[in-house]
C-alpha cells in the first residue's frame, strides 16, 4: 500500500506531494477509513492559500481519494467528521522533511 499525500497550498505552481509507505501508510489509511460519517457540508476551503490535505490510498483494491479541511473529510460523495482535525494533522505530519518551514507555518496558521 502507498499513500500519496498532497498539501493543497498553491495556485499556479505544483503543490508539495510525497509518498507514505509501510506501517505509516497503514496507520494513515486506517485513520481515514475509521472517520465517522458526518462532517459539515458548509465547510469549504478558501479560494487561495491553504486549502487542505489530499490523500490517495493506492492498494490492490484500487485508489481511494480523501480530501480533508477544517474538520470535514470528503471521500467520494460522502462526508466524514475529522474531530480536532486529527487526521488532517496526521497527514501534515507525514510531510516533515518535504514541507518547507514556511509552508508548515502557513498551514499551522489555519488551526
PDB file of N, CA and C in Angstrom:
ATOM      1  N   UNK A   1       0.840  -1.172   0.000  1.00  0.00           N
ATOM      2  CA  UNK A   1       0.000   0.000   0.000  1.00  0.00           C
ATOM      3  C   UNK A   1       0.887   1.238   0.000  1.00  0.00           C
ATOM      4  N   UNK A   2       0.411   2.236  -0.710  1.00  0.00           N
ATOM      5  CA  UNK A   2       1.097   3.527  -0.772  1.00  0.00           C
ATOM      6  C   UNK A   2       0.045   4.618  -0.628  1.00  0.00           C
ATOM      7  N   UNK A   3       0.370   5.642   0.132  1.00  0.00           N
ATOM      8  CA  UNK A   3      -0.497   6.802   0.253  1.00  0.00           C
ATOM      9  C   UNK A   3       0.276   7.996  -0.296  1.00  0.00           C
ATOM     10  N   UNK A   4      -0.266   8.615  -1.335  1.00  0.00           N
ATOM     11  CA  UNK A   4       0.316   9.842  -1.858  1.00  0.00           C
ATOM     12  C   UNK A   4      -0.420  10.999  -1.203  1.00  0.00           C
ATOM     13  N   UNK A   5       0.337  11.825  -0.494  1.00  0.00           N
ATOM     14  CA  UNK A   5      -0.230  12.945   0.254  1.00  0.00           C
ATOM     15  C   UNK A   5       0.144  14.236  -0.463  1.00  0.00           C
ATOM     16  N   UNK A   6      -0.827  15.129  -0.593  1.00  0.00           N
ATOM     17  CA  UNK A   6      -0.600  16.424  -1.221  1.00  0.00           C
ATOM     18  C   UNK A   6      -1.142  17.516  -0.310  1.00  0.00           C
ATOM     19  N   UNK A   7      -0.331  18.539  -0.091  1.00  0.00           N
ATOM     20  CA  UNK A   7      -0.775  19.729   0.636  1.00  0.00           C
ATOM     21  C   UNK A   7      -1.247  20.731  -0.409  1.00  0.00           C
ATOM     22  N   UNK A   8      -2.533  21.067  -0.383  1.00  0.00           N
ATOM     23  CA  UNK A   8      -3.102  21.991  -1.366  1.00  0.00           C
ATOM     24  C   UNK A   8      -2.837  23.417  -0.890  1.00  0.00           C
ATOM     25  N   UNK A   9      -1.746  23.980  -1.401  1.00  0.00           N
ATOM     26  CA  UNK A   9      -1.256  25.278  -0.930  1.00  0.00           C
ATOM     27  C   UNK A   9      -1.199  26.361  -1.994  1.00  0.00           C
ATOM     28  N   UNK A  10      -0.908  25.983  -3.205  1.00  0.00           N
ATOM     29  CA  UNK A  10      -0.520  26.969  -4.206  1.00  0.00           C
ATOM     30  C   UNK A  10      -1.504  27.049  -5.364  1.00  0.00           C
ATOM     31  N   UNK A  11      -1.504  28.204  -5.989  1.00  0.00           N
ATOM     32  CA  UNK A  11      -2.213  28.406  -7.247  1.00  0.00           C
ATOM     33  C   UNK A  11      -1.161  28.751  -8.285  1.00  0.00           C
ATOM     34  N   UNK A  12      -1.171  28.054  -9.384  1.00  0.00           N
ATOM     35  CA  UNK A  12      -0.248  28.367 -10.459  1.00  0.00           C
ATOM     36  C   UNK A  12       1.097  27.677 -10.380  1.00  0.00           C
ATOM     37  N   UNK A  13       1.323  26.891  -9.355  1.00  0.00           N
ATOM     38  CA  UNK A  13       2.551  26.096  -9.292  1.00  0.00           C
ATOM     39  C   UNK A  13       2.227  24.786  -8.572  1.00  0.00           C
ATOM     40  N   UNK A  14       3.076  23.791  -8.748  1.00  0.00           N
ATOM     41  CA  UNK A  14       2.758  22.474  -8.173  1.00  0.00           C
ATOM     42  C   UNK A  14       2.699  22.496  -6.645  1.00  0.00           C
ATOM     43  N   UNK A  15       1.730  21.789  -6.119  1.00  0.00           N
ATOM     44  CA  UNK A  15       1.625  21.611  -4.669  1.00  0.00           C
ATOM     45  C   UNK A  15       2.615  20.554  -4.209  1.00  0.00           C
ATOM     46  N   UNK A  16       3.142  20.680  -2.989  1.00  0.00           N
ATOM     47  CA  UNK A  16       4.051  19.647  -2.485  1.00  0.00           C
ATOM     48  C   UNK A  16       3.305  18.327  -2.301  1.00  0.00           C
ATOM     49  N   UNK A  17       3.967  17.261  -2.709  1.00  0.00           N
ATOM     50  CA  UNK A  17       3.376  15.929  -2.670  1.00  0.00           C
ATOM     51  C   UNK A  17       4.460  14.928  -2.295  1.00  0.00           C
ATOM     52  N   UNK A  18       4.085  13.879  -1.562  1.00  0.00           N
ATOM     53  CA  UNK A  18       5.055  12.874  -1.138  1.00  0.00           C
ATOM     54  C   UNK A  18       4.336  11.544  -0.946  1.00  0.00           C
ATOM     55  N   UNK A  19       5.107  10.482  -0.979  1.00  0.00           N
ATOM     56  CA  UNK A  19       4.564   9.137  -0.792  1.00  0.00           C
ATOM     57  C   UNK A  19       4.860   8.640   0.615  1.00  0.00           C
ATOM     58  N   UNK A  20       3.872   7.971   1.190  1.00  0.00           N
ATOM     59  CA  UNK A  20       3.989   7.355   2.507  1.00  0.00           C
ATOM     60  C   UNK A  20       3.779   5.860   2.307  1.00  0.00           C
ATOM     61  N   UNK A  21       4.670   5.056   2.862  1.00  0.00           N
ATOM     62  CA  UNK A  21       4.590   3.604   2.683  1.00  0.00           C
ATOM     63  C   UNK A  21       4.717   2.894   4.032  1.00  0.00           C
ATOM     64  N   UNK A  22       4.654   1.580   3.989  1.00  0.00           N
ATOM     65  CA  UNK A  22       4.893   0.761   5.177  1.00  0.00           C
ATOM     66  C   UNK A  22       3.860   0.971   6.270  1.00  0.00           C
ATOM     67  N   UNK A  23       4.340   0.865   7.513  1.00  0.00           N
ATOM     68  CA  UNK A  23       3.452   0.985   8.673  1.00  0.00           C
ATOM     69  C   UNK A  23       2.758   2.342   8.734  1.00  0.00           C
ATOM     70  N   UNK A  24       3.461   3.383   8.319  1.00  0.00           N
ATOM     71  CA  UNK A  24       2.858   4.717   8.350  1.00  0.00           C
ATOM     72  C   UNK A  24       1.686   4.792   7.390  1.00  0.00           C
ATOM     73  N   UNK A  25       1.827   4.219   6.204  1.00  0.00           N
ATOM     74  CA  UNK A  25       0.719   4.201   5.241  1.00  0.00           C
ATOM     75  C   UNK A  25      -0.470   3.437   5.803  1.00  0.00           C
ATOM     76  N   UNK A  26      -0.213   2.335   6.467  1.00  0.00           N
ATOM     77  CA  UNK A  26      -1.294   1.541   7.072  1.00  0.00           C
ATOM     78  C   UNK A  26      -2.015   2.349   8.152  1.00  0.00           C
ATOM     79  N   UNK A  27      -1.255   3.077   8.982  1.00  0.00           N
ATOM     80  CA  UNK A  27      -1.867   3.901  10.036  1.00  0.00           C
ATOM     81  C   UNK A  27      -2.709   5.025   9.437  1.00  0.00           C
ATOM     82  N   UNK A  28      -2.173   5.682   8.402  1.00  0.00           N
ATOM     83  CA  UNK A  28      -2.907   6.773   7.753  1.00  0.00           C
ATOM     84  C   UNK A  28      -4.201   6.242   7.141  1.00  0.00           C
ATOM     85  N   UNK A  29      -4.103   5.167   6.379  1.00  0.00           N
ATOM     86  CA  UNK A  29      -5.294   4.594   5.739  1.00  0.00           C
ATOM     87  C   UNK A  29      -6.313   4.162   6.786  1.00  0.00           C
ATOM     88  N   UNK A  30      -5.847   3.544   7.859  1.00  0.00           N
ATOM     89  CA  UNK A  30      -6.745   3.113   8.926  1.00  0.00           C
ATOM     90  C   UNK A  30      -7.455   4.280   9.588  1.00  0.00           C
ATOM     91  N   UNK A  31      -6.718   5.359   9.828  1.00  0.00           N
ATOM     92  CA  UNK A  31      -7.314   6.541  10.457  1.00  0.00           C
ATOM     93  C   UNK A  31      -8.381   7.160   9.559  1.00  0.00           C
ATOM     94  N   UNK A  32      -8.105   7.240   8.267  1.00  0.00           N
ATOM     95  CA  UNK A  32      -9.084   7.818   7.346  1.00  0.00           C
ATOM     96  C   UNK A  32     -10.325   6.942   7.246  1.00  0.00           C
ATOM     97  N   UNK A  33     -10.123   5.658   7.105  1.00  0.00           N
ATOM     98  CA  UNK A  33     -11.260   4.741   6.957  1.00  0.00           C
ATOM     99  C   UNK A  33     -12.087   4.626   8.233  1.00  0.00           C
ATOM    100  N   UNK A  34     -11.515   5.010   9.371  1.00  0.00           N
ATOM    101  CA  UNK A  34     -12.234   4.952  10.647  1.00  0.00           C
ATOM    102  C   UNK A  34     -13.003   6.237  10.964  1.00  0.00           C
ATOM    103  N   UNK A  35     -12.879   7.265  10.117  1.00  0.00           N
ATOM    104  CA  UNK A  35     -13.594   8.510  10.387  1.00  0.00           C
ATOM    105  C   UNK A  35     -15.100   8.255  10.363  1.00  0.00           C
ATOM    106  N   UNK A  36     -15.824   8.804  11.337  1.00  0.00           N
ATOM    107  CA  UNK A  36     -17.268   8.584  11.372  1.00  0.00           C
ATOM    108  C   UNK A  36     -17.992   9.440  10.330  1.00  0.00           C
ATOM    109  N   UNK A  37     -19.093   8.927   9.804  1.00  0.00           N
ATOM    110  CA  UNK A  37     -19.890   9.729   8.871  1.00  0.00           C
ATOM    111  C   UNK A  37     -20.355  11.009   9.557  1.00  0.00           C
ATOM    112  N   UNK A  38     -20.522  12.027   8.774  1.00  0.00           N
ATOM    113  CA  UNK A  38     -20.962  13.325   9.299  1.00  0.00           C
ATOM    114  C   UNK A  38     -20.263  14.418   8.533  1.00  0.00           C
ATOM    115  N   UNK A  39     -19.632  15.297   9.237  1.00  0.00           N
ATOM    116  CA  UNK A  39     -18.955  16.407   8.579  1.00  0.00           C
ATOM    117  C   UNK A  39     -19.950  17.502   8.251  1.00  0.00           C
ATOM    118  N   UNK A  40     -19.444  18.670   8.047  1.00  0.00           N
ATOM    119  CA  UNK A  40     -20.267  19.840   7.768  1.00  0.00           C
ATOM    120  C   UNK A  40     -20.143  20.194   6.296  1.00  0.00           C
ATOM    121  N   UNK A  41     -21.226  20.039   5.518  1.00  0.00           N
ATOM    122  CA  UNK A  41     -21.133  20.351   4.089  1.00  0.00           C
ATOM    123  C   UNK A  41     -20.820  21.816   3.809  1.00  0.00           C
ATOM    124  N   UNK A  42     -21.036  22.688   4.794  1.00  0.00           N
ATOM    125  CA  UNK A  42     -20.740  24.110   4.603  1.00  0.00           C
ATOM    126  C   UNK A  42     -19.256  24.412   4.738  1.00  0.00           C
ATOM    127  N   UNK A  43     -18.480  23.483   5.304  1.00  0.00           N
ATOM    128  CA  UNK A  43     -17.038  23.711   5.458  1.00  0.00           C
ATOM    129  C   UNK A  43     -16.379  23.538   4.099  1.00  0.00           C
ATOM    130  N   UNK A  44     -15.880  24.626   3.584  1.00  0.00           N
ATOM    131  CA  UNK A  44     -15.186  24.628   2.296  1.00  0.00           C
ATOM    132  C   UNK A  44     -13.891  25.410   2.454  1.00  0.00           C
ATOM    133  N   UNK A  45     -12.826  24.939   1.829  1.00  0.00           N
ATOM    134  CA  UNK A  45     -11.575  25.698   1.913  1.00  0.00           C
ATOM    135  C   UNK A  45     -11.686  27.013   1.145  1.00  0.00           C
ATOM    136  N   UNK A  46     -10.835  27.977   1.495  1.00  0.00           N
ATOM    137  CA  UNK A  46     -10.840  29.251   0.776  1.00  0.00           C
ATOM    138  C   UNK A  46     -10.311  29.076  -0.644  1.00  0.00           C
ATOM    139  N   UNK A  47     -10.511  30.079  -1.459  1.00  0.00           N
ATOM    140  CA  UNK A  47     -10.046  30.023  -2.843  1.00  0.00           C
ATOM    141  C   UNK A  47      -8.535  30.122  -2.978  1.00  0.00           C
ATOM    142  N   UNK A  48      -7.903  30.792  -2.033  1.00  0.00           N
ATOM    143  CA  UNK A  48      -6.447  30.960  -2.067  1.00  0.00           C
ATOM    144  C   UNK A  48      -5.854  30.548  -0.729  1.00  0.00           C
ATOM    145  N   UNK A  49      -4.569  30.224  -0.748  1.00  0.00           N
ATOM    146  CA  UNK A  49      -3.886  29.813   0.473  1.00  0.00           C
ATOM    147  C   UNK A  49      -4.072  28.333   0.734  1.00  0.00           C
ATOM    148  N   UNK A  50      -3.911  27.943   1.977  1.00  0.00           N
ATOM    149  CA  UNK A  50      -4.036  26.537   2.350  1.00  0.00           C
ATOM    150  C   UNK A  50      -5.476  26.080   2.158  1.00  0.00           C
ATOM    151  N   UNK A  51      -5.645  25.026   1.361  1.00  0.00           N
ATOM    152  CA  UNK A  51      -6.972  24.507   1.048  1.00  0.00           C
ATOM    153  C   UNK A  51      -7.144  23.057   1.494  1.00  0.00           C
ATOM    154  N   UNK A  52      -6.266  22.593   2.356  1.00  0.00           N
ATOM    155  CA  UNK A  52      -6.438  21.264   2.918  1.00  0.00           C
ATOM    156  C   UNK A  52      -5.423  20.249   2.433  1.00  0.00           C
ATOM    157  N   UNK A  53      -5.672  19.010   2.851  1.00  0.00           N
ATOM    158  CA  UNK A  53      -4.790  17.891   2.530  1.00  0.00           C
ATOM    159  C   UNK A  53      -5.551  16.877   1.686  1.00  0.00           C
ATOM    160  N   UNK A  54      -4.829  16.245   0.788  1.00  0.00           N
ATOM    161  CA  UNK A  54      -5.397  15.215  -0.076  1.00  0.00           C
ATOM    162  C   UNK A  54      -4.574  13.950   0.123  1.00  0.00           C
ATOM    163  N   UNK A  55      -5.263  12.837   0.257  1.00  0.00           N
ATOM    164  CA  UNK A  55      -4.592  11.546   0.402  1.00  0.00           C
ATOM    165  C   UNK A  55      -5.164  10.586  -0.629  1.00  0.00           C
ATOM    166  N   UNK A  56      -4.281  10.013  -1.432  1.00  0.00           N
ATOM    167  CA  UNK A  56      -4.666   8.981  -2.396  1.00  0.00           C
ATOM    168  C   UNK A  56      -4.092   7.665  -1.899  1.00  0.00           C
ATOM    169  N   UNK A  57      -4.979   6.774  -1.473  1.00  0.00           N
ATOM    170  CA  UNK A  57      -4.572   5.475  -0.952  1.00  0.00           C
ATOM    171  C   UNK A  57      -4.630   4.480  -2.100  1.00  0.00           C
ATOM    172  N   UNK A  58      -3.466   3.969  -2.478  1.00  0.00           N
ATOM    173  CA  UNK A  58      -3.382   3.013  -3.584  1.00  0.00           C
ATOM    174  C   UNK A  58      -3.077   1.640  -3.001  1.00  0.00           C
ATOM    175  N   UNK A  59      -3.979   0.699  -3.262  1.00  0.00           N
ATOM    176  CA  UNK A  59      -3.792  -0.671  -2.783  1.00  0.00           C
ATOM    177  C   UNK A  59      -4.294  -1.626  -3.860  1.00  0.00           C
ATOM    178  N   UNK A  60      -4.251  -2.897  -3.573  1.00  0.00           N
ATOM    179  CA  UNK A  60      -4.733  -3.892  -4.521  1.00  0.00           C
ATOM    180  C   UNK A  60      -6.209  -3.744  -4.841  1.00  0.00           C
ATOM    181  N   UNK A  61      -6.942  -3.018  -3.983  1.00  0.00           N
ATOM    182  CA  UNK A  61      -8.375  -2.795  -4.192  1.00  0.00           C
ATOM    183  C   UNK A  61      -8.660  -1.578  -5.060  1.00  0.00           C
ATOM    184  N   UNK A  62      -7.639  -0.840  -5.456  1.00  0.00           N
ATOM    185  CA  UNK A  62      -7.837   0.371  -6.252  1.00  0.00           C
ATOM    186  C   UNK A  62      -7.312   1.587  -5.524  1.00  0.00           C
ATOM    187  N   UNK A  63      -7.876   2.738  -5.855  1.00  0.00           N
ATOM    188  CA  UNK A  63      -7.441   4.006  -5.277  1.00  0.00           C
ATOM    189  C   UNK A  63      -8.605   4.679  -4.565  1.00  0.00           C
ATOM    190  N   UNK A  64      -8.373   5.068  -3.322  1.00  0.00           N
ATOM    191  CA  UNK A  64      -9.334   5.856  -2.545  1.00  0.00           C
ATOM    192  C   UNK A  64      -8.765   7.254  -2.398  1.00  0.00           C
ATOM    193  N   UNK A  65      -9.577   8.268  -2.670  1.00  0.00           N
ATOM    194  CA  UNK A  65      -9.134   9.654  -2.542  1.00  0.00           C
ATOM    195  C   UNK A  65      -9.910  10.324  -1.412  1.00  0.00           C
ATOM    196  N   UNK A  66      -9.176  10.923  -0.501  1.00  0.00           N
ATOM    197  CA  UNK A  66      -9.737  11.655   0.631  1.00  0.00           C
ATOM    198  C   UNK A  66      -9.238  13.096   0.574  1.00  0.00           C
ATOM    199  N   UNK A  67     -10.125  14.060   0.839  1.00  0.00           N
ATOM    200  CA  UNK A  67      -9.761  15.472   0.940  1.00  0.00           C
ATOM    201  C   UNK A  67     -10.218  15.971   2.304  1.00  0.00           C
ATOM    202  N   UNK A  68      -9.298  16.572   3.045  1.00  0.00           N
ATOM    203  CA  UNK A  68      -9.584  16.990   4.417  1.00  0.00           C
ATOM    204  C   UNK A  68      -9.306  18.471   4.600  1.00  0.00           C
ATOM    205  N   UNK A  69     -10.247  19.135   5.258  1.00  0.00           N
ATOM    206  CA  UNK A  69     -10.057  20.542   5.601  1.00  0.00           C
ATOM    207  C   UNK A  69     -11.053  20.917   6.701  1.00  0.00           C
ATOM    208  N   UNK A  70     -10.564  21.577   7.718  1.00  0.00           N
ATOM    209  CA  UNK A  70     -11.426  22.193   8.715  1.00  0.00           C
ATOM    210  C   UNK A  70     -12.330  21.264   9.500  1.00  0.00           C
ATOM    211  N   UNK A  71     -11.915  20.026   9.690  1.00  0.00           N
ATOM    212  CA  UNK A  71     -12.720  19.097  10.473  1.00  0.00           C
ATOM    213  C   UNK A  71     -13.688  18.260   9.664  1.00  0.00           C
ATOM    214  N   UNK A  72     -13.689  18.457   8.353  1.00  0.00           N
ATOM    215  CA  UNK A  72     -14.540  17.668   7.464  1.00  0.00           C
ATOM    216  C   UNK A  72     -13.670  16.949   6.449  1.00  0.00           C
ATOM    217  N   UNK A  73     -13.960  15.680   6.254  1.00  0.00           N
ATOM    218  CA  UNK A  73     -13.261  14.881   5.244  1.00  0.00           C
ATOM    219  C   UNK A  73     -14.266  14.499   4.168  1.00  0.00           C
ATOM    220  N   UNK A  74     -13.832  14.575   2.926  1.00  0.00           N
ATOM    221  CA  UNK A  74     -14.673  14.185   1.793  1.00  0.00           C
ATOM    222  C   UNK A  74     -14.047  12.962   1.139  1.00  0.00           C
ATOM    223  N   UNK A  75     -14.892  11.973   0.901  1.00  0.00           N
ATOM    224  CA  UNK A  75     -14.449  10.736   0.246  1.00  0.00           C
ATOM    225  C   UNK A  75     -15.580  10.316  -0.673  1.00  0.00           C
ATOM    226  N   UNK A  76     -15.333  10.390  -1.980  1.00  0.00           N
ATOM    227  CA  UNK A  76     -16.419  10.133  -2.921  1.00  0.00           C
ATOM    228  C   UNK A  76     -17.536  11.138  -2.679  1.00  0.00           C
ATOM    229  N   UNK A  77     -18.752  10.637  -2.552  1.00  0.00           N
ATOM    230  CA  UNK A  77     -19.893  11.506  -2.268  1.00  0.00           C
ATOM    231  C   UNK A  77     -20.148  11.671  -0.774  1.00  0.00           C
ATOM    232  N   UNK A  78     -19.325  11.037   0.060  1.00  0.00           N
ATOM    233  CA  UNK A  78     -19.562  11.049   1.500  1.00  0.00           C
ATOM    234  C   UNK A  78     -18.807  12.134   2.235  1.00  0.00           C
ATOM    235  N   UNK A  79     -19.391  12.537   3.361  1.00  0.00           N
ATOM    236  CA  UNK A  79     -18.757  13.476   4.283  1.00  0.00           C
ATOM    237  C   UNK A  79     -18.493  12.749   5.591  1.00  0.00           C
ATOM    238  N   UNK A  80     -17.342  13.046   6.185  1.00  0.00           N
ATOM    239  CA  UNK A  80     -16.928  12.392   7.415  1.00  0.00           C
ATOM    240  C   UNK A  80     -16.405  13.444   8.381  1.00  0.00           C
ATOM    241  N   UNK A  81     -16.513  13.163   9.663  1.00  0.00           N
ATOM    242  CA  UNK A  81     -16.073  14.088  10.699  1.00  0.00           C
ATOM    243  C   UNK A  81     -14.633  13.782  11.095  1.00  0.00           C
ATOM    244  N   UNK A  82     -13.786  14.798  11.010  1.00  0.00           N
ATOM    245  CA  UNK A  82     -12.387  14.694  11.439  1.00  0.00           C
ATOM    246  C   UNK A  82     -12.253  15.497  12.732  1.00  0.00           C
ATOM    247  N   UNK A  83     -12.627  14.873  13.841  1.00  0.00           N
ATOM    248  CA  UNK A  83     -12.649  15.551  15.145  1.00  0.00           C
ATOM    249  C   UNK A  83     -11.265  16.094  15.503  1.00  0.00           C
ATOM    250  N   UNK A  84     -11.251  17.375  15.840  1.00  0.00           N
ATOM    251  CA  UNK A  84      -9.999  18.012  16.217  1.00  0.00           C
ATOM    252  C   UNK A  84      -9.002  18.095  15.075  1.00  0.00           C
ATOM    253  N   UNK A  85      -9.479  17.807  13.873  1.00  0.00           N
ATOM    254  CA  UNK A  85      -8.632  17.804  12.670  1.00  0.00           C
ATOM    255  C   UNK A  85      -7.456  16.836  12.816  1.00  0.00           C
ATOM    256  N   UNK A  86      -7.678  15.767  13.594  1.00  0.00           N
ATOM    257  CA  UNK A  86      -6.603  14.809  13.893  1.00  0.00           C
ATOM    258  C   UNK A  86      -6.066  14.125  12.644  1.00  0.00           C
ATOM    259  N   UNK A  87      -6.935  13.704  11.741  1.00  0.00           N
ATOM    260  CA  UNK A  87      -6.468  13.028  10.524  1.00  0.00           C
ATOM    261  C   UNK A  87      -5.749  14.016   9.607  1.00  0.00           C
ATOM    262  N   UNK A  88      -6.262  15.234   9.529  1.00  0.00           N
ATOM    263  CA  UNK A  88      -5.603  16.271   8.729  1.00  0.00           C
ATOM    264  C   UNK A  88      -4.202  16.538   9.277  1.00  0.00           C
ATOM    265  N   UNK A  89      -4.082  16.632  10.592  1.00  0.00           N
ATOM    266  CA  UNK A  89      -2.769  16.845  11.219  1.00  0.00           C
ATOM    267  C   UNK A  89      -1.838  15.657  10.965  1.00  0.00           C
ATOM    268  N   UNK A  90      -2.394  14.446  11.003  1.00  0.00           N
ATOM    269  CA  UNK A  90      -1.588  13.253  10.745  1.00  0.00           C
ATOM    270  C   UNK A  90      -0.986  13.320   9.343  1.00  0.00           C
ATOM    271  N   UNK A  91      -1.790  13.735   8.369  1.00  0.00           N
ATOM    272  CA  UNK A  91      -1.277  13.859   7.002  1.00  0.00           C
ATOM    273  C   UNK A  91      -0.183  14.918   6.926  1.00  0.00           C
ATOM    274  N   UNK A  92      -0.396  16.042   7.586  1.00  0.00           N
ATOM    275  CA  UNK A  92       0.621  17.103   7.603  1.00  0.00           C
ATOM    276  C   UNK A  92       1.914  16.574   8.212  1.00  0.00           C
ATOM    277  N   UNK A  93       1.795  15.853   9.313  1.00  0.00           N
ATOM    278  CA  UNK A  93       2.981  15.326   9.997  1.00  0.00           C
ATOM    279  C   UNK A  93       3.787  14.374   9.124  1.00  0.00           C
ATOM    280  N   UNK A  94       3.138  13.688   8.189  1.00  0.00           N
ATOM    281  CA  UNK A  94       3.894  12.792   7.300  1.00  0.00           C
ATOM    282  C   UNK A  94       4.766  13.577   6.325  1.00  0.00           C
ATOM    283  N   UNK A  95       4.525  14.880   6.212  1.00  0.00           N
ATOM    284  CA  UNK A  95       5.289  15.705   5.281  1.00  0.00           C
ATOM    285  C   UNK A  95       6.537  16.321   5.865  1.00  0.00           C
ATOM    286  N   UNK A  96       6.853  15.998   7.113  1.00  0.00           N
ATOM    287  CA  UNK A  96       8.081  16.510   7.712  1.00  0.00           C
ATOM    288  C   UNK A  96       9.254  16.090   6.832  1.00  0.00           C
ATOM    289  N   UNK A  97      10.044  17.044   6.430  1.00  0.00           N
ATOM    290  CA  UNK A  97      11.159  16.752   5.529  1.00  0.00           C
ATOM    291  C   UNK A  97      10.835  17.100   4.086  1.00  0.00           C
ATOM    292  N   UNK A  98       9.547  17.200   3.761  1.00  0.00           N
ATOM    293  CA  UNK A  98       9.128  17.596   2.415  1.00  0.00           C
ATOM    294  C   UNK A  98       8.574  19.010   2.432  1.00  0.00           C
ATOM    295  N   UNK A  99       7.720  19.290   3.406  1.00  0.00           N
ATOM    296  CA  UNK A  99       7.148  20.630   3.521  1.00  0.00           C
ATOM    297  C   UNK A  99       8.194  21.589   4.083  1.00  0.00           C
ATOM    298  N   UNK A 100       8.282  22.765   3.498  1.00  0.00           N
ATOM    299  CA  UNK A 100       9.227  23.769   3.986  1.00  0.00           C
ATOM    300  C   UNK A 100       8.722  24.356   5.301  1.00  0.00           C
ATOM    301  N   UNK A 101       9.615  24.990   6.022  1.00  0.00           N
ATOM    302  CA  UNK A 101       9.234  25.646   7.273  1.00  0.00           C
ATOM    303  C   UNK A 101       8.172  26.708   7.009  1.00  0.00           C
ATOM    304  N   UNK A 102       8.302  27.433   5.907  1.00  0.00           N
ATOM    305  CA  UNK A 102       7.316  28.465   5.566  1.00  0.00           C
ATOM    306  C   UNK A 102       5.950  27.843   5.297  1.00  0.00           C
ATOM    307  N   UNK A 103       5.926  26.712   4.611  1.00  0.00           N
ATOM    308  CA  UNK A 103       4.655  26.027   4.343  1.00  0.00           C
ATOM    309  C   UNK A 103       4.015  25.548   5.638  1.00  0.00           C
ATOM    310  N   UNK A 104       4.816  24.955   6.519  1.00  0.00           N
ATOM    311  CA  UNK A 104       4.287  24.475   7.798  1.00  0.00           C
ATOM    312  C   UNK A 104       3.736  25.623   8.640  1.00  0.00           C
ATOM    313  N   UNK A 105       4.415  26.757   8.626  1.00  0.00           N
ATOM    314  CA  UNK A 105       3.937  27.927   9.361  1.00  0.00           C
ATOM    315  C   UNK A 105       2.615  28.411   8.785  1.00  0.00           C
ATOM    316  N   UNK A 106       2.532  28.450   7.462  1.00  0.00           N
ATOM    317  CA  UNK A 106       1.302  28.885   6.791  1.00  0.00           C
ATOM    318  C   UNK A 106       0.145  27.951   7.137  1.00  0.00           C
ATOM    319  N   UNK A 107       0.385  26.647   7.062  1.00  0.00           N
ATOM    320  CA  UNK A 107      -0.657  25.661   7.372  1.00  0.00           C
ATOM    321  C   UNK A 107      -1.073  25.770   8.833  1.00  0.00           C
ATOM    322  N   UNK A 108      -0.104  25.859   9.739  1.00  0.00           N
ATOM    323  CA  UNK A 108      -0.433  25.882  11.169  1.00  0.00           C
ATOM    324  C   UNK A 108      -1.242  27.116  11.541  1.00  0.00           C
ATOM    325  N   UNK A 109      -1.147  28.163  10.748  1.00  0.00           N
ATOM    326  CA  UNK A 109      -1.942  29.362  10.991  1.00  0.00           C
ATOM    327  C   UNK A 109      -3.428  29.160  10.764  1.00  0.00           C
ATOM    328  N   UNK A 110      -3.811  28.051  10.139  1.00  0.00           N
ATOM    329  CA  UNK A 110      -5.232  27.776   9.887  1.00  0.00           C
ATOM    330  C   UNK A 110      -5.853  26.936  10.994  1.00  0.00           C
ATOM    331  N   UNK A 111      -5.041  26.477  11.943  1.00  0.00           N
ATOM    332  CA  UNK A 111      -5.561  25.627  13.022  1.00  0.00           C
ATOM    333  C   UNK A 111      -5.897  26.454  14.239  1.00  0.00           C
TER     334      UNK A 111
END
